[in-house]
């Protein structure tokens, strides 16, 4: 199965560059061919209106055709404008939650835990 993992900001930047270079349609076809795109870190980096609209278009195109995974550390009650405006976020969440499995994980960050486990303890003298 083809899987593409990318931070949301990087994906949006790539789509904006493709649009500016008149190759957005080609990029959209490439993204449509991926069985499972994983869009990471949604909510940390604010998106421009154009970027949010391009991301909305991508997810709308996939709606009903294939799975899309979006990760975020934002709690649900803080996602009102995670995709630009409240209106766009609402429309996008409507598409995403039509056929959805939501995995909400409450716990320590695996990156933080891994970082702590790598610390070298000072040697006893």
PDB file of N, CA and C in Angstrom:
ATOM      1  N   UNK A   1       0.850  -1.172   0.000  1.00  0.00           N
ATOM      2  CA  UNK A   1       0.000   0.000   0.000  1.00  0.00           C
ATOM      3  C   UNK A   1       0.897   1.237   0.000  1.00  0.00           C
ATOM      4  N   UNK A   2       0.589   2.192  -0.864  1.00  0.00           N
ATOM      5  CA  UNK A   2       1.380   3.416  -0.910  1.00  0.00           C
ATOM      6  C   UNK A   2       0.889   4.387   0.170  1.00  0.00           C
ATOM      7  N   UNK A   3       1.833   4.857   0.960  1.00  0.00           N
ATOM      8  CA  UNK A   3       1.556   5.784   2.053  1.00  0.00           C
ATOM      9  C   UNK A   3       2.483   6.979   1.889  1.00  0.00           C
ATOM     10  N   UNK A   4       1.932   8.177   2.087  1.00  0.00           N
ATOM     11  CA  UNK A   4       2.745   9.396   2.026  1.00  0.00           C
ATOM     12  C   UNK A   4       2.575  10.137   3.341  1.00  0.00           C
ATOM     13  N   UNK A   5       3.661  10.357   4.049  1.00  0.00           N
ATOM     14  CA  UNK A   5       3.647  11.056   5.326  1.00  0.00           C
ATOM     15  C   UNK A   5       4.262  12.433   5.121  1.00  0.00           C
ATOM     16  N   UNK A   6       3.531  13.479   5.475  1.00  0.00           N
ATOM     17  CA  UNK A   6       4.055  14.832   5.308  1.00  0.00           C
ATOM     18  C   UNK A   6       3.446  15.775   6.331  1.00  0.00           C
ATOM     19  N   UNK A   7       4.243  16.688   6.849  1.00  0.00           N
ATOM     20  CA  UNK A   7       3.658  17.729   7.715  1.00  0.00           C
ATOM     21  C   UNK A   7       2.698  18.595   6.898  1.00  0.00           C
ATOM     22  N   UNK A   8       1.639  19.033   7.524  1.00  0.00           N
ATOM     23  CA  UNK A   8       0.618  19.829   6.833  1.00  0.00           C
ATOM     24  C   UNK A   8       1.216  21.071   6.190  1.00  0.00           C
ATOM     25  N   UNK A   9       2.073  21.774   6.900  1.00  0.00           N
ATOM     26  CA  UNK A   9       2.652  23.007   6.359  1.00  0.00           C
ATOM     27  C   UNK A   9       3.478  22.726   5.104  1.00  0.00           C
ATOM     28  N   UNK A  10       4.233  21.629   5.105  1.00  0.00           N
ATOM     29  CA  UNK A  10       5.040  21.277   3.931  1.00  0.00           C
ATOM     30  C   UNK A  10       4.149  20.917   2.754  1.00  0.00           C
ATOM     31  N   UNK A  11       3.081  20.196   3.005  1.00  0.00           N
ATOM     32  CA  UNK A  11       2.145  19.827   1.938  1.00  0.00           C
ATOM     33  C   UNK A  11       1.493  21.067   1.332  1.00  0.00           C
ATOM     34  N   UNK A  12       1.058  21.964   2.193  1.00  0.00           N
ATOM     35  CA  UNK A  12       0.421  23.196   1.715  1.00  0.00           C
ATOM     36  C   UNK A  12       1.414  24.028   0.913  1.00  0.00           C
ATOM     37  N   UNK A  13       2.642  24.153   1.397  1.00  0.00           N
ATOM     38  CA  UNK A  13       3.667  24.898   0.651  1.00  0.00           C
ATOM     39  C   UNK A  13       3.917  24.273  -0.713  1.00  0.00           C
ATOM     40  N   UNK A  14       3.968  22.946  -0.768  1.00  0.00           N
ATOM     41  CA  UNK A  14       4.180  22.256  -2.042  1.00  0.00           C
ATOM     42  C   UNK A  14       3.010  22.517  -3.001  1.00  0.00           C
ATOM     43  N   UNK A  15       1.790  22.485  -2.482  1.00  0.00           N
ATOM     44  CA  UNK A  15       0.623  22.742  -3.335  1.00  0.00           C
ATOM     45  C   UNK A  15       0.600  24.188  -3.822  1.00  0.00           C
ATOM     46  N   UNK A  16       1.000  25.123  -2.969  1.00  0.00           N
ATOM     47  CA  UNK A  16       1.020  26.535  -3.378  1.00  0.00           C
ATOM     48  C   UNK A  16       2.079  26.770  -4.453  1.00  0.00           C
ATOM     49  N   UNK A  17       3.252  26.152  -4.287  1.00  0.00           N
ATOM     50  CA  UNK A  17       4.293  26.271  -5.302  1.00  0.00           C
ATOM     51  C   UNK A  17       3.826  25.656  -6.617  1.00  0.00           C
ATOM     52  N   UNK A  18       3.179  24.497  -6.542  1.00  0.00           N
ATOM     53  CA  UNK A  18       2.675  23.836  -7.748  1.00  0.00           C
ATOM     54  C   UNK A  18       1.636  24.717  -8.443  1.00  0.00           C
ATOM     55  N   UNK A  19       0.779  25.353  -7.661  1.00  0.00           N
ATOM     56  CA  UNK A  19      -0.225  26.249  -8.242  1.00  0.00           C
ATOM     57  C   UNK A  19       0.459  27.407  -8.957  1.00  0.00           C
ATOM     58  N   UNK A  20       1.456  28.008  -8.310  1.00  0.00           N
ATOM     59  CA  UNK A  20       2.169  29.144  -8.902  1.00  0.00           C
ATOM     60  C   UNK A  20       2.914  28.752 -10.177  1.00  0.00           C
ATOM     61  N   UNK A  21       3.370  27.493 -10.235  1.00  0.00           N
ATOM     62  CA  UNK A  21       4.120  27.006 -11.396  1.00  0.00           C
ATOM     63  C   UNK A  21       3.224  26.281 -12.404  1.00  0.00           C
ATOM     64  N   UNK A  22       1.929  26.385 -12.221  1.00  0.00           N
ATOM     65  CA  UNK A  22       0.927  25.780 -13.116  1.00  0.00           C
ATOM     66  C   UNK A  22       1.088  24.272 -13.263  1.00  0.00           C
ATOM     67  N   UNK A  23       1.397  23.615 -12.149  1.00  0.00           N
ATOM     68  CA  UNK A  23       1.489  22.155 -12.149  1.00  0.00           C
ATOM     69  C   UNK A  23       0.667  21.548 -11.005  1.00  0.00           C
ATOM     70  N   UNK A  24      -0.312  22.306 -10.518  1.00  0.00           N
ATOM     71  CA  UNK A  24      -1.136  21.847  -9.401  1.00  0.00           C
ATOM     72  C   UNK A  24      -1.955  20.614  -9.784  1.00  0.00           C
ATOM     73  N   UNK A  25      -2.511  20.591 -10.977  1.00  0.00           N
ATOM     74  CA  UNK A  25      -3.314  19.449 -11.412  1.00  0.00           C
ATOM     75  C   UNK A  25      -2.483  18.171 -11.397  1.00  0.00           C
ATOM     76  N   UNK A  26      -1.248  18.260 -11.861  1.00  0.00           N
ATOM     77  CA  UNK A  26      -0.352  17.096 -11.866  1.00  0.00           C
ATOM     78  C   UNK A  26      -0.079  16.620 -10.437  1.00  0.00           C
ATOM     79  N   UNK A  27       0.181  17.559  -9.530  1.00  0.00           N
ATOM     80  CA  UNK A  27       0.425  17.204  -8.133  1.00  0.00           C
ATOM     81  C   UNK A  27      -0.824  16.592  -7.514  1.00  0.00           C
ATOM     82  N   UNK A  28      -1.996  17.147  -7.809  1.00  0.00           N
ATOM     83  CA  UNK A  28      -3.240  16.594  -7.266  1.00  0.00           C
ATOM     84  C   UNK A  28      -3.448  15.158  -7.746  1.00  0.00           C
ATOM     85  N   UNK A  29      -3.107  14.869  -8.991  1.00  0.00           N
ATOM     86  CA  UNK A  29      -3.220  13.502  -9.503  1.00  0.00           C
ATOM     87  C   UNK A  29      -2.256  12.566  -8.785  1.00  0.00           C
ATOM     88  N   UNK A  30      -1.041  13.049  -8.518  1.00  0.00           N
ATOM     89  CA  UNK A  30      -0.073  12.236  -7.779  1.00  0.00           C
ATOM     90  C   UNK A  30      -0.583  11.944  -6.371  1.00  0.00           C
ATOM     91  N   UNK A  31      -1.131  12.961  -5.715  1.00  0.00           N
ATOM     92  CA  UNK A  31      -1.646  12.778  -4.360  1.00  0.00           C
ATOM     93  C   UNK A  31      -2.866  11.870  -4.342  1.00  0.00           C
ATOM     94  N   UNK A  32      -3.683  11.927  -5.387  1.00  0.00           N
ATOM     95  CA  UNK A  32      -4.864  11.067  -5.474  1.00  0.00           C
ATOM     96  C   UNK A  32      -4.468   9.601  -5.623  1.00  0.00           C
ATOM     97  N   UNK A  33      -3.289   9.344  -6.195  1.00  0.00           N
ATOM     98  CA  UNK A  33      -2.830   7.971  -6.392  1.00  0.00           C
ATOM     99  C   UNK A  33      -2.327   7.327  -5.101  1.00  0.00           C
ATOM    100  N   UNK A  34      -2.051   8.126  -4.101  1.00  0.00           N
ATOM    101  CA  UNK A  34      -1.564   7.598  -2.824  1.00  0.00           C
ATOM    102  C   UNK A  34      -2.739   6.965  -2.083  1.00  0.00           C
ATOM    103  N   UNK A  35      -2.565   5.746  -1.633  1.00  0.00           N
ATOM    104  CA  UNK A  35      -3.652   5.045  -0.934  1.00  0.00           C
ATOM    105  C   UNK A  35      -3.951   5.673   0.427  1.00  0.00           C
ATOM    106  N   UNK A  36      -2.908   6.100   1.139  1.00  0.00           N
ATOM    107  CA  UNK A  36      -3.122   6.682   2.458  1.00  0.00           C
ATOM    108  C   UNK A  36      -2.172   7.854   2.689  1.00  0.00           C
ATOM    109  N   UNK A  37      -2.639   9.078   2.464  1.00  0.00           N
ATOM    110  CA  UNK A  37      -1.819  10.229   2.851  1.00  0.00           C
ATOM    111  C   UNK A  37      -1.989  10.486   4.353  1.00  0.00           C
ATOM    112  N   UNK A  38      -0.875  10.724   5.007  1.00  0.00           N
ATOM    113  CA  UNK A  38      -0.887  11.062   6.429  1.00  0.00           C
ATOM    114  C   UNK A  38      -0.413  12.495   6.535  1.00  0.00           C
ATOM    115  N   UNK A  39      -1.317  13.363   6.964  1.00  0.00           N
ATOM    116  CA  UNK A  39      -1.022  14.795   7.088  1.00  0.00           C
ATOM    117  C   UNK A  39      -0.787  15.066   8.558  1.00  0.00           C
ATOM    118  N   UNK A  40       0.442  15.372   8.894  1.00  0.00           N
ATOM    119  CA  UNK A  40       0.872  15.473  10.295  1.00  0.00           C
ATOM    120  C   UNK A  40       0.908  16.917  10.776  1.00  0.00           C
ATOM    121  N   UNK A  41       0.740  17.075  12.069  1.00  0.00           N
ATOM    122  CA  UNK A  41       0.932  18.349  12.774  1.00  0.00           C
ATOM    123  C   UNK A  41      -0.048  19.430  12.352  1.00  0.00           C
ATOM    124  N   UNK A  42      -1.280  19.083  12.045  1.00  0.00           N
ATOM    125  CA  UNK A  42      -2.268  20.098  11.694  1.00  0.00           C
ATOM    126  C   UNK A  42      -2.652  20.880  12.938  1.00  0.00           C
ATOM    127  N   UNK A  43      -2.528  22.165  12.843  1.00  0.00           N
ATOM    128  CA  UNK A  43      -2.900  23.023  13.954  1.00  0.00           C
ATOM    129  C   UNK A  43      -1.742  23.804  14.535  1.00  0.00           C
ATOM    130  N   UNK A  44      -0.510  23.347  14.321  1.00  0.00           N
ATOM    131  CA  UNK A  44       0.635  24.051  14.891  1.00  0.00           C
ATOM    132  C   UNK A  44       1.010  25.282  14.090  1.00  0.00           C
ATOM    133  N   UNK A  45       1.113  25.118  12.786  1.00  0.00           N
ATOM    134  CA  UNK A  45       1.512  26.219  11.916  1.00  0.00           C
ATOM    135  C   UNK A  45       0.254  26.769  11.252  1.00  0.00           C
ATOM    136  N   UNK A  46      -0.035  28.051  11.449  1.00  0.00           N
ATOM    137  CA  UNK A  46      -1.233  28.612  10.817  1.00  0.00           C
ATOM    138  C   UNK A  46      -1.115  28.580   9.288  1.00  0.00           C
ATOM    139  N   UNK A  47      -2.234  28.328   8.633  1.00  0.00           N
ATOM    140  CA  UNK A  47      -2.251  28.284   7.180  1.00  0.00           C
ATOM    141  C   UNK A  47      -2.804  29.595   6.631  1.00  0.00           C
ATOM    142  N   UNK A  48      -2.282  29.999   5.498  1.00  0.00           N
ATOM    143  CA  UNK A  48      -2.872  31.146   4.800  1.00  0.00           C
ATOM    144  C   UNK A  48      -4.242  30.711   4.287  1.00  0.00           C
ATOM    145  N   UNK A  49      -5.047  31.667   3.921  1.00  0.00           N
ATOM    146  CA  UNK A  49      -6.376  31.339   3.381  1.00  0.00           C
ATOM    147  C   UNK A  49      -6.253  30.467   2.136  1.00  0.00           C
ATOM    148  N   UNK A  50      -5.330  30.823   1.256  1.00  0.00           N
ATOM    149  CA  UNK A  50      -5.118  30.041   0.035  1.00  0.00           C
ATOM    150  C   UNK A  50      -4.646  28.636   0.368  1.00  0.00           C
ATOM    151  N   UNK A  51      -3.715  28.528   1.307  1.00  0.00           N
ATOM    152  CA  UNK A  51      -3.215  27.218   1.715  1.00  0.00           C
ATOM    153  C   UNK A  51      -4.312  26.353   2.307  1.00  0.00           C
ATOM    154  N   UNK A  52      -5.139  26.945   3.156  1.00  0.00           N
ATOM    155  CA  UNK A  52      -6.251  26.200   3.755  1.00  0.00           C
ATOM    156  C   UNK A  52      -7.233  25.744   2.685  1.00  0.00           C
ATOM    157  N   UNK A  53      -7.484  26.593   1.693  1.00  0.00           N
ATOM    158  CA  UNK A  53      -8.407  26.226   0.613  1.00  0.00           C
ATOM    159  C   UNK A  53      -7.843  25.092  -0.239  1.00  0.00           C
ATOM    160  N   UNK A  54      -6.533  25.106  -0.476  1.00  0.00           N
ATOM    161  CA  UNK A  54      -5.915  24.023  -1.249  1.00  0.00           C
ATOM    162  C   UNK A  54      -5.982  22.703  -0.481  1.00  0.00           C
ATOM    163  N   UNK A  55      -5.747  22.757   0.825  1.00  0.00           N
ATOM    164  CA  UNK A  55      -5.839  21.557   1.647  1.00  0.00           C
ATOM    165  C   UNK A  55      -7.284  21.049   1.675  1.00  0.00           C
ATOM    166  N   UNK A  56      -8.238  21.960   1.782  1.00  0.00           N
ATOM    167  CA  UNK A  56      -9.648  21.603   1.740  1.00  0.00           C
ATOM    168  C   UNK A  56      -9.986  20.899   0.425  1.00  0.00           C
ATOM    169  N   UNK A  57      -9.490  21.440  -0.677  1.00  0.00           N
ATOM    170  CA  UNK A  57      -9.749  20.854  -1.991  1.00  0.00           C
ATOM    171  C   UNK A  57      -9.192  19.440  -2.081  1.00  0.00           C
ATOM    172  N   UNK A  58      -7.981  19.240  -1.575  1.00  0.00           N
ATOM    173  CA  UNK A  58      -7.364  17.914  -1.590  1.00  0.00           C
ATOM    174  C   UNK A  58      -8.208  16.919  -0.802  1.00  0.00           C
ATOM    175  N   UNK A  59      -8.606  17.302   0.392  1.00  0.00           N
ATOM    176  CA  UNK A  59      -9.389  16.390   1.231  1.00  0.00           C
ATOM    177  C   UNK A  59     -10.768  16.155   0.630  1.00  0.00           C
ATOM    178  N   UNK A  60     -11.357  17.174   0.044  1.00  0.00           N
ATOM    179  CA  UNK A  60     -12.651  17.017  -0.619  1.00  0.00           C
ATOM    180  C   UNK A  60     -12.564  16.044  -1.785  1.00  0.00           C
ATOM    181  N   UNK A  61     -11.472  16.103  -2.535  1.00  0.00           N
ATOM    182  CA  UNK A  61     -11.293  15.196  -3.665  1.00  0.00           C
ATOM    183  C   UNK A  61     -11.177  13.747  -3.206  1.00  0.00           C
ATOM    184  N   UNK A  62     -10.596  13.538  -2.035  1.00  0.00           N
ATOM    185  CA  UNK A  62     -10.412  12.187  -1.519  1.00  0.00           C
ATOM    186  C   UNK A  62     -11.670  11.654  -0.837  1.00  0.00           C
ATOM    187  N   UNK A  63     -12.554  12.541  -0.455  1.00  0.00           N
ATOM    188  CA  UNK A  63     -13.755  12.165   0.298  1.00  0.00           C
ATOM    189  C   UNK A  63     -14.547  11.093  -0.454  1.00  0.00           C
ATOM    190  N   UNK A  64     -14.740   9.953   0.179  1.00  0.00           N
ATOM    191  CA  UNK A  64     -15.479   8.861  -0.433  1.00  0.00           C
ATOM    192  C   UNK A  64     -14.673   8.016  -1.390  1.00  0.00           C
ATOM    193  N   UNK A  65     -13.439   8.415  -1.672  1.00  0.00           N
ATOM    194  CA  UNK A  65     -12.598   7.678  -2.628  1.00  0.00           C
ATOM    195  C   UNK A  65     -11.440   6.953  -1.959  1.00  0.00           C
ATOM    196  N   UNK A  66     -11.028   7.456  -0.813  1.00  0.00           N
ATOM    197  CA  UNK A  66      -9.882   6.846  -0.147  1.00  0.00           C
ATOM    198  C   UNK A  66      -9.693   7.422   1.236  1.00  0.00           C
ATOM    199  N   UNK A  67      -8.902   6.746   2.002  1.00  0.00           N
ATOM    200  CA  UNK A  67      -8.641   7.169   3.379  1.00  0.00           C
ATOM    201  C   UNK A  67      -7.634   8.300   3.423  1.00  0.00           C
ATOM    202  N   UNK A  68      -7.786   9.137   4.429  1.00  0.00           N
ATOM    203  CA  UNK A  68      -6.842  10.215   4.708  1.00  0.00           C
ATOM    204  C   UNK A  68      -6.671  10.272   6.214  1.00  0.00           C
ATOM    205  N   UNK A  69      -5.440  10.339   6.672  1.00  0.00           N
ATOM    206  CA  UNK A  69      -5.174  10.425   8.105  1.00  0.00           C
ATOM    207  C   UNK A  69      -4.622  11.810   8.413  1.00  0.00           C
ATOM    208  N   UNK A  70      -5.183  12.449   9.423  1.00  0.00           N
ATOM    209  CA  UNK A  70      -4.708  13.761   9.860  1.00  0.00           C
ATOM    210  C   UNK A  70      -4.402  13.664  11.340  1.00  0.00           C
ATOM    211  N   UNK A  71      -3.193  14.078  11.709  1.00  0.00           N
ATOM    212  CA  UNK A  71      -2.822  14.067  13.118  1.00  0.00           C
ATOM    213  C   UNK A  71      -2.765  15.490  13.643  1.00  0.00           C
ATOM    214  N   UNK A  72      -3.071  15.632  14.913  1.00  0.00           N
ATOM    215  CA  UNK A  72      -3.027  16.939  15.547  1.00  0.00           C
ATOM    216  C   UNK A  72      -2.938  16.744  17.048  1.00  0.00           C
ATOM    217  N   UNK A  73      -2.241  17.641  17.707  1.00  0.00           N
ATOM    218  CA  UNK A  73      -2.204  17.633  19.168  1.00  0.00           C
ATOM    219  C   UNK A  73      -3.259  18.556  19.749  1.00  0.00           C
ATOM    220  N   UNK A  74      -4.037  19.202  18.886  1.00  0.00           N
ATOM    221  CA  UNK A  74      -5.082  20.099  19.373  1.00  0.00           C
ATOM    222  C   UNK A  74      -6.267  19.300  19.888  1.00  0.00           C
ATOM    223  N   UNK A  75      -6.771  19.645  21.066  1.00  0.00           N
ATOM    224  CA  UNK A  75      -8.018  19.017  21.527  1.00  0.00           C
ATOM    225  C   UNK A  75      -9.160  19.427  20.601  1.00  0.00           C
ATOM    226  N   UNK A  76     -10.206  18.622  20.530  1.00  0.00           N
ATOM    227  CA  UNK A  76     -11.320  18.906  19.628  1.00  0.00           C
ATOM    228  C   UNK A  76     -11.911  20.291  19.848  1.00  0.00           C
ATOM    229  N   UNK A  77     -12.012  20.717  21.086  1.00  0.00           N
ATOM    230  CA  UNK A  77     -12.636  22.020  21.355  1.00  0.00           C
ATOM    231  C   UNK A  77     -11.771  23.196  20.915  1.00  0.00           C
ATOM    232  N   UNK A  78     -10.522  22.956  20.532  1.00  0.00           N
ATOM    233  CA  UNK A  78      -9.642  24.024  20.051  1.00  0.00           C
ATOM    234  C   UNK A  78      -9.445  23.984  18.538  1.00  0.00           C
ATOM    235  N   UNK A  79     -10.218  23.191  17.843  1.00  0.00           N
ATOM    236  CA  UNK A  79     -10.030  23.021  16.393  1.00  0.00           C
ATOM    237  C   UNK A  79     -10.923  23.921  15.563  1.00  0.00           C
ATOM    238  N   UNK A  80     -11.554  24.908  16.172  1.00  0.00           N
ATOM    239  CA  UNK A  80     -12.511  25.757  15.462  1.00  0.00           C
ATOM    240  C   UNK A  80     -11.933  26.382  14.213  1.00  0.00           C
ATOM    241  N   UNK A  81     -10.678  26.780  14.248  1.00  0.00           N
ATOM    242  CA  UNK A  81     -10.086  27.414  13.070  1.00  0.00           C
ATOM    243  C   UNK A  81      -8.769  26.753  12.675  1.00  0.00           C
ATOM    244  N   UNK A  82      -8.658  25.455  12.904  1.00  0.00           N
ATOM    245  CA  UNK A  82      -7.417  24.734  12.587  1.00  0.00           C
ATOM    246  C   UNK A  82      -7.109  24.717  11.095  1.00  0.00           C
ATOM    247  N   UNK A  83      -8.135  24.929  10.267  1.00  0.00           N
ATOM    248  CA  UNK A  83      -7.925  24.933   8.820  1.00  0.00           C
ATOM    249  C   UNK A  83      -8.213  26.306   8.229  1.00  0.00           C
ATOM    250  N   UNK A  84      -7.844  27.336   8.932  1.00  0.00           N
ATOM    251  CA  UNK A  84      -8.051  28.690   8.430  1.00  0.00           C
ATOM    252  C   UNK A  84      -9.199  29.362   9.156  1.00  0.00           C
ATOM    253  N   UNK A  85     -10.369  29.331   8.574  1.00  0.00           N
ATOM    254  CA  UNK A  85     -11.534  29.976   9.177  1.00  0.00           C
ATOM    255  C   UNK A  85     -12.436  28.925   9.817  1.00  0.00           C
ATOM    256  N   UNK A  86     -13.321  29.372  10.703  1.00  0.00           N
ATOM    257  CA  UNK A  86     -14.265  28.446  11.323  1.00  0.00           C
ATOM    258  C   UNK A  86     -15.157  27.795  10.275  1.00  0.00           C
ATOM    259  N   UNK A  87     -15.551  28.570   9.286  1.00  0.00           N
ATOM    260  CA  UNK A  87     -16.435  28.057   8.240  1.00  0.00           C
ATOM    261  C   UNK A  87     -15.747  26.953   7.429  1.00  0.00           C
ATOM    262  N   UNK A  88     -14.499  27.211   7.024  1.00  0.00           N
ATOM    263  CA  UNK A  88     -13.748  26.216   6.258  1.00  0.00           C
ATOM    264  C   UNK A  88     -13.472  24.986   7.115  1.00  0.00           C
ATOM    265  N   UNK A  89     -13.121  25.209   8.375  1.00  0.00           N
ATOM    266  CA  UNK A  89     -12.874  24.091   9.289  1.00  0.00           C
ATOM    267  C   UNK A  89     -14.128  23.248   9.437  1.00  0.00           C
ATOM    268  N   UNK A  90     -15.275  23.893   9.595  1.00  0.00           N
ATOM    269  CA  UNK A  90     -16.538  23.168   9.720  1.00  0.00           C
ATOM    270  C   UNK A  90     -16.844  22.328   8.497  1.00  0.00           C
ATOM    271  N   UNK A  91     -16.648  22.905   7.317  1.00  0.00           N
ATOM    272  CA  UNK A  91     -16.900  22.171   6.072  1.00  0.00           C
ATOM    273  C   UNK A  91     -15.942  20.991   5.936  1.00  0.00           C
ATOM    274  N   UNK A  92     -14.693  21.211   6.293  1.00  0.00           N
ATOM    275  CA  UNK A  92     -13.700  20.158   6.190  1.00  0.00           C
ATOM    276  C   UNK A  92     -13.972  19.038   7.185  1.00  0.00           C
ATOM    277  N   UNK A  93     -14.285  19.411   8.420  1.00  0.00           N
ATOM    278  CA  UNK A  93     -14.584  18.389   9.424  1.00  0.00           C
ATOM    279  C   UNK A  93     -15.835  17.606   9.035  1.00  0.00           C
ATOM    280  N   UNK A  94     -16.777  18.256   8.381  1.00  0.00           N
ATOM    281  CA  UNK A  94     -17.952  17.546   7.883  1.00  0.00           C
ATOM    282  C   UNK A  94     -17.577  16.452   6.908  1.00  0.00           C
ATOM    283  N   UNK A  95     -16.636  16.736   6.022  1.00  0.00           N
ATOM    284  CA  UNK A  95     -16.183  15.732   5.063  1.00  0.00           C
ATOM    285  C   UNK A  95     -15.367  14.641   5.737  1.00  0.00           C
ATOM    286  N   UNK A  96     -14.502  15.057   6.651  1.00  0.00           N
ATOM    287  CA  UNK A  96     -13.645  14.084   7.327  1.00  0.00           C
ATOM    288  C   UNK A  96     -14.421  13.148   8.243  1.00  0.00           C
ATOM    289  N   UNK A  97     -15.464  13.649   8.858  1.00  0.00           N
ATOM    290  CA  UNK A  97     -16.179  12.836   9.847  1.00  0.00           C
ATOM    291  C   UNK A  97     -17.342  12.049   9.257  1.00  0.00           C
ATOM    292  N   UNK A  98     -17.514  12.096   7.942  1.00  0.00           N
ATOM    293  CA  UNK A  98     -18.591  11.350   7.306  1.00  0.00           C
ATOM    294  C   UNK A  98     -18.408   9.845   7.510  1.00  0.00           C
ATOM    295  N   UNK A  99     -17.256   9.331   7.191  1.00  0.00           N
ATOM    296  CA  UNK A  99     -16.890   7.924   7.430  1.00  0.00           C
ATOM    297  C   UNK A  99     -15.546   7.977   8.135  1.00  0.00           C
ATOM    298  N   UNK A 100     -15.575   7.909   9.451  1.00  0.00           N
ATOM    299  CA  UNK A 100     -14.358   8.206  10.190  1.00  0.00           C
ATOM    300  C   UNK A 100     -14.155   7.269  11.367  1.00  0.00           C
ATOM    301  N   UNK A 101     -12.899   7.087  11.688  1.00  0.00           N
ATOM    302  CA  UNK A 101     -12.492   6.472  12.945  1.00  0.00           C
ATOM    303  C   UNK A 101     -11.609   7.504  13.629  1.00  0.00           C
ATOM    304  N   UNK A 102     -12.033   7.966  14.785  1.00  0.00           N
ATOM    305  CA  UNK A 102     -11.253   8.958  15.519  1.00  0.00           C
ATOM    306  C   UNK A 102     -10.503   8.243  16.633  1.00  0.00           C
ATOM    307  N   UNK A 103      -9.214   8.438  16.649  1.00  0.00           N
ATOM    308  CA  UNK A 103      -8.376   7.895  17.705  1.00  0.00           C
ATOM    309  C   UNK A 103      -7.891   9.058  18.548  1.00  0.00           C
ATOM    310  N   UNK A 104      -8.424   9.170  19.731  1.00  0.00           N
ATOM    311  CA  UNK A 104      -7.988  10.236  20.621  1.00  0.00           C
ATOM    312  C   UNK A 104      -7.091   9.607  21.675  1.00  0.00           C
ATOM    313  N   UNK A 105      -5.873  10.091  21.712  1.00  0.00           N
ATOM    314  CA  UNK A 105      -4.887   9.532  22.626  1.00  0.00           C
ATOM    315  C   UNK A 105      -4.495  10.592  23.632  1.00  0.00           C
ATOM    316  N   UNK A 106      -4.653  10.258  24.868  1.00  0.00           N
ATOM    317  CA  UNK A 106      -4.269  11.172  25.941  1.00  0.00           C
ATOM    318  C   UNK A 106      -3.115  10.534  26.691  1.00  0.00           C
ATOM    319  N   UNK A 107      -2.008  11.146  26.590  1.00  0.00           N
ATOM    320  CA  UNK A 107      -0.840  10.599  27.262  1.00  0.00           C
ATOM    321  C   UNK A 107       0.377  11.430  26.936  1.00  0.00           C
ATOM    322  N   UNK A 108       1.475  10.974  27.453  1.00  0.00           N
ATOM    323  CA  UNK A 108       2.735  11.671  27.240  1.00  0.00           C
ATOM    324  C   UNK A 108       3.178  11.516  25.787  1.00  0.00           C
ATOM    325  N   UNK A 109       3.784  12.540  25.274  1.00  0.00           N
ATOM    326  CA  UNK A 109       4.320  12.525  23.924  1.00  0.00           C
ATOM    327  C   UNK A 109       5.390  11.448  23.802  1.00  0.00           C
ATOM    328  N   UNK A 110       5.315  10.645  22.730  1.00  0.00           N
ATOM    329  CA  UNK A 110       6.330   9.611  22.546  1.00  0.00           C
ATOM    330  C   UNK A 110       7.691  10.243  22.279  1.00  0.00           C
ATOM    331  N   UNK A 111       7.708  11.418  21.650  1.00  0.00           N
ATOM    332  CA  UNK A 111       8.988  12.094  21.396  1.00  0.00           C
ATOM    333  C   UNK A 111       9.643  12.522  22.706  1.00  0.00           C
ATOM    334  N   UNK A 112       8.831  13.047  23.618  1.00  0.00           N
ATOM    335  CA  UNK A 112       9.352  13.451  24.921  1.00  0.00           C
ATOM    336  C   UNK A 112       9.839  12.235  25.694  1.00  0.00           C
ATOM    337  N   UNK A 113       9.080  11.156  25.682  1.00  0.00           N
ATOM    338  CA  UNK A 113       9.478   9.936  26.386  1.00  0.00           C
ATOM    339  C   UNK A 113      10.769   9.371  25.797  1.00  0.00           C
ATOM    340  N   UNK A 114      10.867   9.378  24.472  1.00  0.00           N
ATOM    341  CA  UNK A 114      12.078   8.871  23.816  1.00  0.00           C
ATOM    342  C   UNK A 114      13.278   9.744  24.160  1.00  0.00           C
ATOM    343  N   UNK A 115      13.070  11.049  24.201  1.00  0.00           N
ATOM    344  CA  UNK A 115      14.145  11.969  24.547  1.00  0.00           C
ATOM    345  C   UNK A 115      14.641  11.715  25.967  1.00  0.00           C
ATOM    346  N   UNK A 116      13.712  11.505  26.863  1.00  0.00           N
ATOM    347  CA  UNK A 116      14.085  11.224  28.268  1.00  0.00           C
ATOM    348  C   UNK A 116      14.847   9.915  28.392  1.00  0.00           C
ATOM    349  N   UNK A 117      14.468   8.918  27.608  1.00  0.00           N
ATOM    350  CA  UNK A 117      15.140   7.622  27.709  1.00  0.00           C
ATOM    351  C   UNK A 117      16.554   7.666  27.143  1.00  0.00           C
ATOM    352  N   UNK A 118      16.837   8.644  26.294  1.00  0.00           N
ATOM    353  CA  UNK A 118      18.173   8.767  25.694  1.00  0.00           C
ATOM    354  C   UNK A 118      19.160   9.518  26.568  1.00  0.00           C
ATOM    355  N   UNK A 119      18.647  10.211  27.558  1.00  0.00           N
ATOM    356  CA  UNK A 119      19.559  10.977  28.407  1.00  0.00           C
ATOM    357  C   UNK A 119      20.592  10.068  29.037  1.00  0.00           C
ATOM    358  N   UNK A 120      21.791  10.519  29.015  1.00  0.00           N
ATOM    359  CA  UNK A 120      22.862   9.755  29.622  1.00  0.00           C
ATOM    360  C   UNK A 120      22.995  10.231  31.065  1.00  0.00           C
ATOM    361  N   UNK A 121      22.848   9.297  31.961  1.00  0.00           N
ATOM    362  CA  UNK A 121      22.974   9.629  33.381  1.00  0.00           C
ATOM    363  C   UNK A 121      24.457   9.853  33.696  1.00  0.00           C
ATOM    364  N   UNK A 122      24.755  10.879  34.502  1.00  0.00           N
ATOM    365  CA  UNK A 122      26.162  11.111  34.875  1.00  0.00           C
ATOM    366  C   UNK A 122      26.690   9.926  35.689  1.00  0.00           C
ATOM    367  N   UNK A 123      27.952   9.615  35.437  1.00  0.00           N
ATOM    368  CA  UNK A 123      28.569   8.492  36.147  1.00  0.00           C
ATOM    369  C   UNK A 123      28.809   8.864  37.597  1.00  0.00           C
ATOM    370  N   UNK A 124      28.577   7.906  38.464  1.00  0.00           N
ATOM    371  CA  UNK A 124      28.823   8.111  39.903  1.00  0.00           C
ATOM    372  C   UNK A 124      30.321   8.056  40.153  1.00  0.00           C
ATOM    373  N   UNK A 125      30.792   8.955  40.999  1.00  0.00           N
ATOM    374  CA  UNK A 125      32.244   8.952  41.292  1.00  0.00           C
ATOM    375  C   UNK A 125      32.518   8.439  42.660  1.00  0.00           C
TER     376      UNK A 125
END
